[in-house]
Amino acid sequence: MLRILGIDPGYGIIGFSVIDKSNSGNSVVDYGVITTPKDMPFDQRLKVIYESMNTLIDKFSPQECAIEKLYFNKNITTGIPVAEARGVILLSIVNRNIPVFEYTPQQIKMALTGLGKADKSQVQFMVKTLLHLAKIPRPDDAADAVAVALCHSQTNQQMLGLR
């Protein structure tokens, strides 16, 4: 069995998921979000993110981590704090010697739906279907984190010839 931590990076809301991959498929262990208050100073928000990541790692003992690569569309201003938060997230992971695998939004969409330009609802439907869940994980950031972990599981299976 392989335990995968999936991360959808941010600084106000960070999505996380934990899935187990075995010969019989993938199963969800947990998912949710880390949140930081808007009125909190940014450096303190980063501290909350770092400490929360350490708590998640301690609780679930993941063997690998999959994280979404940042994609700057038009607004780089909001991208800078997300990049800083992503750095703190990565620091907590690499400090524990957990291998990190990064995927672009297009790679995640392709792995789950077969379409690199799939919309959010298509990806969420596949998350629900592939994990045999009764409903789509909420909030969206948590569903995105599950998609990242599933992308890694699918990609990892393909690389190992297990699929």
N, C-alpha and C. Protein backbone atom coordinates (compact mmCIF):
# COMPACT_ATOMS: atom_id res chain seq x y z
N MET A 1 0.84 -1.18 0.00
CA MET A 1 0.00 0.00 0.00
C MET A 1 0.88 1.24 0.00
N LEU A 2 0.41 2.27 -0.70
CA LEU A 2 1.10 3.55 -0.76
C LEU A 2 0.15 4.63 -0.28
N ARG A 3 0.57 5.42 0.70
CA ARG A 3 -0.24 6.53 1.21
C ARG A 3 0.23 7.82 0.54
N ILE A 4 -0.71 8.52 -0.09
CA ILE A 4 -0.42 9.74 -0.85
C ILE A 4 -1.13 10.93 -0.21
N LEU A 5 -0.38 11.99 0.02
CA LEU A 5 -0.93 13.26 0.48
C LEU A 5 -1.07 14.16 -0.75
N GLY A 6 -2.28 14.61 -1.02
CA GLY A 6 -2.54 15.52 -2.14
C GLY A 6 -2.77 16.93 -1.62
N ILE A 7 -2.17 17.91 -2.28
CA ILE A 7 -2.29 19.30 -1.82
C ILE A 7 -2.71 20.21 -2.97
N ASP A 8 -3.72 21.03 -2.70
CA ASP A 8 -4.12 22.13 -3.57
C ASP A 8 -3.68 23.40 -2.84
N PRO A 9 -2.55 24.00 -3.26
CA PRO A 9 -1.96 25.10 -2.48
C PRO A 9 -2.77 26.39 -2.55
N GLY A 10 -2.64 27.17 -1.50
CA GLY A 10 -3.25 28.48 -1.38
C GLY A 10 -2.75 29.10 -0.10
N TYR A 11 -3.33 30.22 0.30
CA TYR A 11 -2.96 30.79 1.59
C TYR A 11 -4.18 31.10 2.44
N GLY A 12 -5.32 31.30 1.85
CA GLY A 12 -6.56 31.46 2.60
C GLY A 12 -7.21 30.12 2.85
N ILE A 13 -7.20 29.29 1.81
CA ILE A 13 -7.74 27.94 1.88
C ILE A 13 -6.77 27.01 1.16
N ILE A 14 -6.31 25.99 1.87
CA ILE A 14 -5.42 24.99 1.31
C ILE A 14 -6.16 23.67 1.34
N GLY A 15 -6.35 23.06 0.20
CA GLY A 15 -7.01 21.76 0.15
C GLY A 15 -6.01 20.65 0.42
N PHE A 16 -6.46 19.62 1.17
CA PHE A 16 -5.61 18.45 1.38
C PHE A 16 -6.44 17.19 1.23
N SER A 17 -5.75 16.13 0.88
CA SER A 17 -6.39 14.82 0.83
C SER A 17 -5.34 13.76 1.16
N VAL A 18 -5.83 12.66 1.66
CA VAL A 18 -4.99 11.49 1.91
C VAL A 18 -5.70 10.31 1.28
N ILE A 19 -5.00 9.64 0.36
CA ILE A 19 -5.57 8.44 -0.24
C ILE A 19 -4.58 7.30 -0.08
N ASP A 20 -5.12 6.10 -0.02
CA ASP A 20 -4.31 4.89 -0.01
C ASP A 20 -4.46 4.20 -1.36
N LYS A 21 -3.33 3.85 -1.94
CA LYS A 21 -3.30 3.14 -3.21
C LYS A 21 -2.84 1.72 -2.94
N SER A 22 -3.63 0.76 -3.38
CA SER A 22 -3.26 -0.65 -3.20
C SER A 22 -3.51 -1.37 -4.51
N ASN A 23 -3.23 -2.65 -4.54
CA ASN A 23 -3.48 -3.45 -5.74
C ASN A 23 -4.95 -3.45 -6.13
N SER A 24 -5.83 -3.25 -5.14
CA SER A 24 -7.26 -3.27 -5.43
C SER A 24 -7.80 -1.88 -5.80
N GLY A 25 -6.95 -0.86 -5.83
CA GLY A 25 -7.39 0.48 -6.24
C GLY A 25 -7.06 1.53 -5.19
N ASN A 26 -7.74 2.65 -5.31
CA ASN A 26 -7.54 3.78 -4.41
C ASN A 26 -8.70 3.90 -3.44
N SER A 27 -8.38 4.31 -2.22
CA SER A 27 -9.43 4.60 -1.26
C SER A 27 -9.08 5.90 -0.53
N VAL A 28 -10.10 6.67 -0.24
CA VAL A 28 -9.89 7.93 0.45
C VAL A 28 -9.80 7.68 1.96
N VAL A 29 -8.80 8.27 2.57
CA VAL A 29 -8.62 8.17 4.02
C VAL A 29 -9.24 9.41 4.67
N ASP A 30 -8.93 10.58 4.12
CA ASP A 30 -9.45 11.83 4.66
C ASP A 30 -9.23 12.94 3.63
N TYR A 31 -9.99 13.99 3.78
CA TYR A 31 -9.79 15.20 2.97
C TYR A 31 -10.39 16.36 3.73
N GLY A 32 -9.96 17.56 3.34
CA GLY A 32 -10.47 18.76 3.99
C GLY A 32 -9.67 19.97 3.59
N VAL A 33 -9.74 20.99 4.41
CA VAL A 33 -9.01 22.23 4.12
C VAL A 33 -8.34 22.77 5.37
N ILE A 34 -7.27 23.46 5.13
CA ILE A 34 -6.62 24.28 6.14
C ILE A 34 -7.02 25.71 5.80
N THR A 35 -7.50 26.47 6.77
CA THR A 35 -7.88 27.86 6.49
C THR A 35 -7.10 28.80 7.39
N THR A 36 -6.89 30.00 6.85
CA THR A 36 -6.26 31.06 7.64
C THR A 36 -7.15 32.30 7.57
N PRO A 37 -7.31 32.99 8.70
CA PRO A 37 -8.19 34.17 8.72
C PRO A 37 -7.64 35.33 7.88
N LYS A 38 -8.54 35.99 7.16
CA LYS A 38 -8.14 37.12 6.31
C LYS A 38 -7.51 38.26 7.10
N ASP A 39 -7.95 38.44 8.33
CA ASP A 39 -7.45 39.56 9.11
C ASP A 39 -6.15 39.25 9.86
N MET A 40 -5.65 38.05 9.72
CA MET A 40 -4.40 37.66 10.37
C MET A 40 -3.22 38.16 9.53
N PRO A 41 -2.16 38.68 10.17
CA PRO A 41 -0.97 39.09 9.40
C PRO A 41 -0.45 37.91 8.56
N PHE A 42 0.05 38.25 7.38
CA PHE A 42 0.43 37.20 6.42
C PHE A 42 1.50 36.27 6.99
N ASP A 43 2.47 36.79 7.70
CA ASP A 43 3.51 35.92 8.26
C ASP A 43 2.91 34.92 9.25
N GLN A 44 1.90 35.33 9.98
CA GLN A 44 1.23 34.42 10.91
C GLN A 44 0.38 33.38 10.17
N ARG A 45 -0.16 33.79 9.03
CA ARG A 45 -0.91 32.84 8.20
C ARG A 45 0.04 31.73 7.71
N LEU A 46 1.24 32.13 7.30
CA LEU A 46 2.22 31.15 6.85
C LEU A 46 2.59 30.19 7.98
N LYS A 47 2.70 30.71 9.19
CA LYS A 47 3.00 29.88 10.35
C LYS A 47 1.88 28.86 10.59
N VAL A 48 0.64 29.29 10.49
CA VAL A 48 -0.51 28.39 10.66
C VAL A 48 -0.46 27.28 9.60
N ILE A 49 -0.16 27.65 8.37
CA ILE A 49 -0.07 26.67 7.28
C ILE A 49 1.03 25.65 7.58
N TYR A 50 2.19 26.14 7.97
CA TYR A 50 3.33 25.25 8.26
C TYR A 50 2.99 24.29 9.40
N GLU A 51 2.45 24.81 10.47
CA GLU A 51 2.12 23.96 11.62
C GLU A 51 1.00 22.98 11.29
N SER A 52 0.03 23.42 10.51
CA SER A 52 -1.07 22.53 10.11
C SER A 52 -0.57 21.41 9.20
N MET A 53 0.35 21.73 8.30
CA MET A 53 0.94 20.70 7.44
C MET A 53 1.69 19.67 8.28
N ASN A 54 2.45 20.15 9.25
CA ASN A 54 3.18 19.23 10.12
C ASN A 54 2.22 18.31 10.87
N THR A 55 1.11 18.86 11.33
CA THR A 55 0.11 18.06 12.03
C THR A 55 -0.48 16.99 11.11
N LEU A 56 -0.80 17.37 9.86
CA LEU A 56 -1.33 16.40 8.89
C LEU A 56 -0.33 15.28 8.64
N ILE A 57 0.92 15.65 8.45
CA ILE A 57 1.95 14.64 8.17
C ILE A 57 2.11 13.71 9.36
N ASP A 58 2.12 14.27 10.56
CA ASP A 58 2.23 13.43 11.76
C ASP A 58 1.04 12.48 11.89
N LYS A 59 -0.15 12.98 11.59
CA LYS A 59 -1.37 12.18 11.75
C LYS A 59 -1.47 11.04 10.73
N PHE A 60 -1.11 11.32 9.46
CA PHE A 60 -1.37 10.36 8.39
C PHE A 60 -0.14 9.63 7.86
N SER A 61 1.06 10.10 8.17
CA SER A 61 2.31 9.46 7.73
C SER A 61 2.32 9.11 6.24
N PRO A 62 2.14 10.11 5.38
CA PRO A 62 2.16 9.82 3.94
C PRO A 62 3.56 9.40 3.48
N GLN A 63 3.58 8.56 2.45
CA GLN A 63 4.86 8.11 1.88
C GLN A 63 5.28 8.97 0.70
N GLU A 64 4.30 9.61 0.06
CA GLU A 64 4.58 10.50 -1.07
C GLU A 64 3.59 11.66 -1.02
N CYS A 65 3.98 12.75 -1.64
CA CYS A 65 3.10 13.92 -1.70
C CYS A 65 2.97 14.38 -3.14
N ALA A 66 1.75 14.69 -3.54
CA ALA A 66 1.46 15.26 -4.85
C ALA A 66 0.89 16.65 -4.62
N ILE A 67 1.44 17.63 -5.34
CA ILE A 67 1.00 19.01 -5.17
C ILE A 67 0.80 19.65 -6.54
N GLU A 68 -0.20 20.51 -6.61
CA GLU A 68 -0.47 21.19 -7.87
C GLU A 68 0.57 22.29 -8.10
N LYS A 69 1.10 22.31 -9.32
CA LYS A 69 2.01 23.39 -9.71
C LYS A 69 1.20 24.67 -9.85
N LEU A 70 1.85 25.78 -9.57
CA LEU A 70 1.16 27.06 -9.73
C LEU A 70 1.04 27.41 -11.19
N TYR A 71 -0.09 28.00 -11.49
CA TYR A 71 -0.36 28.44 -12.85
C TYR A 71 -0.81 29.89 -12.77
N PHE A 72 0.00 30.78 -13.33
CA PHE A 72 -0.35 32.20 -13.32
C PHE A 72 -1.10 32.52 -14.58
N ASN A 73 -2.34 32.95 -14.40
CA ASN A 73 -3.15 33.32 -15.53
C ASN A 73 -2.88 34.78 -15.88
N LYS A 74 -3.61 35.68 -15.30
CA LYS A 74 -3.40 37.09 -15.57
C LYS A 74 -3.01 37.86 -14.31
N ASN A 75 -3.43 37.36 -13.15
CA ASN A 75 -3.24 38.12 -11.92
C ASN A 75 -2.07 37.56 -11.11
N ILE A 76 -0.87 38.03 -11.40
CA ILE A 76 0.31 37.56 -10.69
C ILE A 76 0.33 38.09 -9.25
N THR A 77 -0.41 39.18 -8.98
CA THR A 77 -0.43 39.76 -7.65
C THR A 77 -0.92 38.75 -6.62
N THR A 78 -1.99 38.02 -6.92
CA THR A 78 -2.46 36.99 -5.98
C THR A 78 -1.57 35.76 -6.05
N GLY A 79 -0.86 35.58 -7.14
CA GLY A 79 0.03 34.43 -7.28
C GLY A 79 1.23 34.47 -6.36
N ILE A 80 1.70 35.66 -6.03
CA ILE A 80 2.89 35.77 -5.18
C ILE A 80 2.63 35.22 -3.78
N PRO A 81 1.58 35.63 -3.07
CA PRO A 81 1.35 35.03 -1.76
C PRO A 81 1.05 33.53 -1.83
N VAL A 82 0.40 33.08 -2.89
CA VAL A 82 0.16 31.64 -3.05
C VAL A 82 1.50 30.92 -3.20
N ALA A 83 2.42 31.50 -3.96
CA ALA A 83 3.75 30.91 -4.13
C ALA A 83 4.50 30.85 -2.81
N GLU A 84 4.36 31.90 -2.00
CA GLU A 84 5.01 31.90 -0.69
C GLU A 84 4.42 30.82 0.21
N ALA A 85 3.11 30.69 0.20
CA ALA A 85 2.46 29.64 0.99
C ALA A 85 2.86 28.26 0.49
N ARG A 86 2.94 28.11 -0.81
CA ARG A 86 3.35 26.83 -1.41
C ARG A 86 4.76 26.47 -0.95
N GLY A 87 5.63 27.46 -0.85
CA GLY A 87 6.98 27.22 -0.37
C GLY A 87 6.99 26.70 1.06
N VAL A 88 6.14 27.27 1.91
CA VAL A 88 6.02 26.81 3.30
C VAL A 88 5.48 25.38 3.33
N ILE A 89 4.51 25.09 2.48
CA ILE A 89 3.95 23.74 2.40
C ILE A 89 5.05 22.75 1.99
N LEU A 90 5.79 23.10 0.96
CA LEU A 90 6.86 22.22 0.49
C LEU A 90 7.93 22.02 1.56
N LEU A 91 8.24 23.08 2.30
CA LEU A 91 9.23 22.98 3.37
C LEU A 91 8.81 21.95 4.42
N SER A 92 7.56 21.98 4.81
CA SER A 92 7.09 21.02 5.82
C SER A 92 7.19 19.59 5.29
N ILE A 93 6.98 19.40 4.00
CA ILE A 93 7.03 18.07 3.40
C ILE A 93 8.46 17.58 3.26
N VAL A 94 9.32 18.41 2.69
CA VAL A 94 10.70 17.97 2.46
C VAL A 94 11.48 17.84 3.76
N ASN A 95 11.09 18.58 4.79
CA ASN A 95 11.73 18.41 6.10
C ASN A 95 11.51 17.02 6.66
N ARG A 96 10.45 16.34 6.19
CA ARG A 96 10.14 14.98 6.64
C ARG A 96 10.64 13.93 5.64
N ASN A 97 11.41 14.38 4.65
CA ASN A 97 11.97 13.48 3.62
C ASN A 97 10.91 12.72 2.85
N ILE A 98 9.79 13.38 2.58
CA ILE A 98 8.72 12.79 1.79
C ILE A 98 8.91 13.23 0.34
N PRO A 99 8.98 12.28 -0.59
CA PRO A 99 9.13 12.67 -2.00
C PRO A 99 7.94 13.50 -2.47
N VAL A 100 8.23 14.55 -3.24
CA VAL A 100 7.21 15.46 -3.75
C VAL A 100 7.11 15.30 -5.27
N PHE A 101 5.88 15.21 -5.75
CA PHE A 101 5.61 15.12 -7.18
C PHE A 101 4.67 16.27 -7.54
N GLU A 102 5.01 17.02 -8.59
CA GLU A 102 4.24 18.20 -8.95
C GLU A 102 3.53 17.97 -10.28
N TYR A 103 2.28 18.45 -10.34
CA TYR A 103 1.46 18.27 -11.53
C TYR A 103 0.79 19.59 -11.90
N THR A 104 0.75 19.87 -13.19
CA THR A 104 0.05 21.05 -13.67
C THR A 104 -1.45 20.77 -13.66
N PRO A 105 -2.25 21.84 -13.67
CA PRO A 105 -3.71 21.61 -13.76
C PRO A 105 -4.09 20.76 -14.98
N GLN A 106 -3.41 20.96 -16.11
CA GLN A 106 -3.72 20.18 -17.31
C GLN A 106 -3.38 18.71 -17.12
N GLN A 107 -2.26 18.41 -16.45
CA GLN A 107 -1.90 17.02 -16.20
C GLN A 107 -2.93 16.34 -15.30
N ILE A 108 -3.42 17.07 -14.31
CA ILE A 108 -4.42 16.52 -13.39
C ILE A 108 -5.71 16.21 -14.15
N LYS A 109 -6.15 17.17 -14.96
CA LYS A 109 -7.37 16.98 -15.74
C LYS A 109 -7.23 15.80 -16.70
N MET A 110 -6.07 15.70 -17.34
CA MET A 110 -5.82 14.62 -18.30
C MET A 110 -5.83 13.26 -17.60
N ALA A 111 -5.20 13.16 -16.45
CA ALA A 111 -5.13 11.89 -15.73
C ALA A 111 -6.50 11.41 -15.28
N LEU A 112 -7.37 12.34 -14.91
CA LEU A 112 -8.67 11.95 -14.37
C LEU A 112 -9.75 11.82 -15.44
N THR A 113 -9.72 12.68 -16.45
CA THR A 113 -10.81 12.70 -17.42
C THR A 113 -10.39 12.31 -18.84
N GLY A 114 -9.09 12.34 -19.10
CA GLY A 114 -8.62 12.10 -20.46
C GLY A 114 -8.64 13.36 -21.30
N LEU A 115 -9.05 14.48 -20.70
CA LEU A 115 -9.12 15.76 -21.40
C LEU A 115 -8.33 16.81 -20.62
N GLY A 116 -7.31 17.37 -21.23
CA GLY A 116 -6.49 18.38 -20.57
C GLY A 116 -7.21 19.69 -20.33
N LYS A 117 -8.35 19.87 -21.00
CA LYS A 117 -9.12 21.11 -20.84
C LYS A 117 -10.48 20.84 -20.19
N ALA A 118 -10.58 19.77 -19.43
CA ALA A 118 -11.84 19.45 -18.75
C ALA A 118 -12.19 20.55 -17.77
N ASP A 119 -13.48 20.73 -17.53
CA ASP A 119 -13.87 21.75 -16.55
C ASP A 119 -13.93 21.13 -15.15
N LYS A 120 -14.06 21.99 -14.16
CA LYS A 120 -14.03 21.58 -12.76
C LYS A 120 -15.09 20.51 -12.46
N SER A 121 -16.28 20.65 -13.02
CA SER A 121 -17.34 19.69 -12.72
C SER A 121 -17.01 18.30 -13.26
N GLN A 122 -16.35 18.22 -14.40
CA GLN A 122 -15.95 16.92 -14.96
C GLN A 122 -14.90 16.25 -14.06
N VAL A 123 -13.94 17.04 -13.57
CA VAL A 123 -12.91 16.50 -12.69
C VAL A 123 -13.54 16.03 -11.38
N GLN A 124 -14.42 16.84 -10.83
CA GLN A 124 -15.07 16.46 -9.57
C GLN A 124 -15.92 15.20 -9.72
N PHE A 125 -16.60 15.07 -10.85
CA PHE A 125 -17.38 13.86 -11.11
C PHE A 125 -16.48 12.63 -11.13
N MET A 126 -15.30 12.76 -11.75
CA MET A 126 -14.38 11.63 -11.82
C MET A 126 -13.79 11.30 -10.45
N VAL A 127 -13.54 12.31 -9.63
CA VAL A 127 -13.07 12.07 -8.26
C VAL A 127 -14.10 11.20 -7.53
N LYS A 128 -15.35 11.61 -7.61
CA LYS A 128 -16.44 10.87 -6.96
C LYS A 128 -16.54 9.44 -7.51
N THR A 129 -16.46 9.31 -8.82
CA THR A 129 -16.61 8.01 -9.47
C THR A 129 -15.43 7.08 -9.17
N LEU A 130 -14.22 7.58 -9.33
CA LEU A 130 -13.03 6.74 -9.15
C LEU A 130 -12.87 6.24 -7.72
N LEU A 131 -13.34 7.03 -6.76
CA LEU A 131 -13.22 6.65 -5.35
C LEU A 131 -14.51 6.05 -4.78
N HIS A 132 -15.53 5.91 -5.64
CA HIS A 132 -16.81 5.32 -5.23
C HIS A 132 -17.40 6.07 -4.04
N LEU A 133 -17.37 7.40 -4.12
CA LEU A 133 -17.90 8.24 -3.05
C LEU A 133 -19.39 8.51 -3.28
N ALA A 134 -20.12 8.73 -2.21
CA ALA A 134 -21.54 9.04 -2.32
C ALA A 134 -21.75 10.45 -2.86
N LYS A 135 -20.81 11.34 -2.59
CA LYS A 135 -20.93 12.71 -3.07
C LYS A 135 -19.54 13.29 -3.36
N ILE A 136 -19.53 14.37 -4.08
CA ILE A 136 -18.29 15.07 -4.42
C ILE A 136 -17.74 15.72 -3.15
N PRO A 137 -16.44 15.55 -2.89
CA PRO A 137 -15.85 16.21 -1.70
C PRO A 137 -16.06 17.72 -1.75
N ARG A 138 -16.32 18.29 -0.60
CA ARG A 138 -16.50 19.74 -0.46
C ARG A 138 -15.61 20.24 0.65
N PRO A 139 -15.15 21.46 0.62
CA PRO A 139 -15.32 22.44 -0.45
C PRO A 139 -14.48 22.07 -1.68
N ASP A 140 -14.57 22.90 -2.72
CA ASP A 140 -13.87 22.64 -3.97
C ASP A 140 -12.38 22.43 -3.78
N ASP A 141 -11.77 23.14 -2.84
CA ASP A 141 -10.33 23.01 -2.62
C ASP A 141 -9.98 21.59 -2.16
N ALA A 142 -10.84 20.99 -1.35
CA ALA A 142 -10.62 19.61 -0.92
C ALA A 142 -10.77 18.65 -2.10
N ALA A 143 -11.78 18.87 -2.93
CA ALA A 143 -11.96 18.04 -4.12
C ALA A 143 -10.76 18.16 -5.05
N ASP A 144 -10.23 19.37 -5.17
CA ASP A 144 -9.05 19.57 -6.01
C ASP A 144 -7.85 18.81 -5.45
N ALA A 145 -7.70 18.79 -4.13
CA ALA A 145 -6.60 18.06 -3.51
C ALA A 145 -6.73 16.55 -3.73
N VAL A 146 -7.96 16.05 -3.68
CA VAL A 146 -8.19 14.63 -3.97
C VAL A 146 -7.82 14.35 -5.42
N ALA A 147 -8.16 15.25 -6.32
CA ALA A 147 -7.82 15.08 -7.74
C ALA A 147 -6.31 15.03 -7.93
N VAL A 148 -5.58 15.86 -7.21
CA VAL A 148 -4.11 15.87 -7.31
C VAL A 148 -3.55 14.51 -6.87
N ALA A 149 -4.05 14.00 -5.75
CA ALA A 149 -3.58 12.71 -5.25
C ALA A 149 -3.93 11.58 -6.23
N LEU A 150 -5.14 11.61 -6.78
CA LEU A 150 -5.53 10.60 -7.76
C LEU A 150 -4.68 10.69 -9.02
N CYS A 151 -4.38 11.89 -9.45
CA CYS A 151 -3.51 12.09 -10.61
C CYS A 151 -2.18 11.38 -10.36
N HIS A 152 -1.62 11.59 -9.18
CA HIS A 152 -0.34 10.96 -8.86
C HIS A 152 -0.48 9.44 -8.84
N SER A 153 -1.54 8.95 -8.27
CA SER A 153 -1.76 7.50 -8.23
C SER A 153 -1.86 6.93 -9.64
N GLN A 154 -2.62 7.59 -10.51
CA GLN A 154 -2.78 7.13 -11.89
C GLN A 154 -1.45 7.22 -12.65
N THR A 155 -0.76 8.33 -12.50
CA THR A 155 0.51 8.54 -13.20
C THR A 155 1.53 7.54 -12.68
N ASN A 156 1.57 7.35 -11.39
CA ASN A 156 2.49 6.43 -10.76
C ASN A 156 2.24 5.00 -11.26
N GLN A 157 0.97 4.61 -11.39
CA GLN A 157 0.63 3.28 -11.89
C GLN A 157 1.12 3.12 -13.32
N GLN A 158 0.92 4.15 -14.12
CA GLN A 158 1.35 4.08 -15.52
C GLN A 158 2.87 3.95 -15.62
N MET A 159 3.60 4.72 -14.77
CA MET A 159 5.05 4.68 -14.81
C MET A 159 5.57 3.31 -14.37
N LEU A 160 4.87 2.68 -13.44
CA LEU A 160 5.29 1.38 -12.93
C LEU A 160 4.75 0.21 -13.76
N GLY A 161 3.91 0.52 -14.73
CA GLY A 161 3.33 -0.53 -15.55
C GLY A 161 2.28 -1.35 -14.82
N LEU A 162 1.67 -0.76 -13.77
CA LEU A 162 0.68 -1.48 -12.97
C LEU A 162 -0.74 -1.25 -13.45
N ARG A 163 -0.90 -0.37 -14.37
CA ARG A 163 -2.26 0.00 -14.78
C ARG A 163 -2.75 -0.89 -15.88
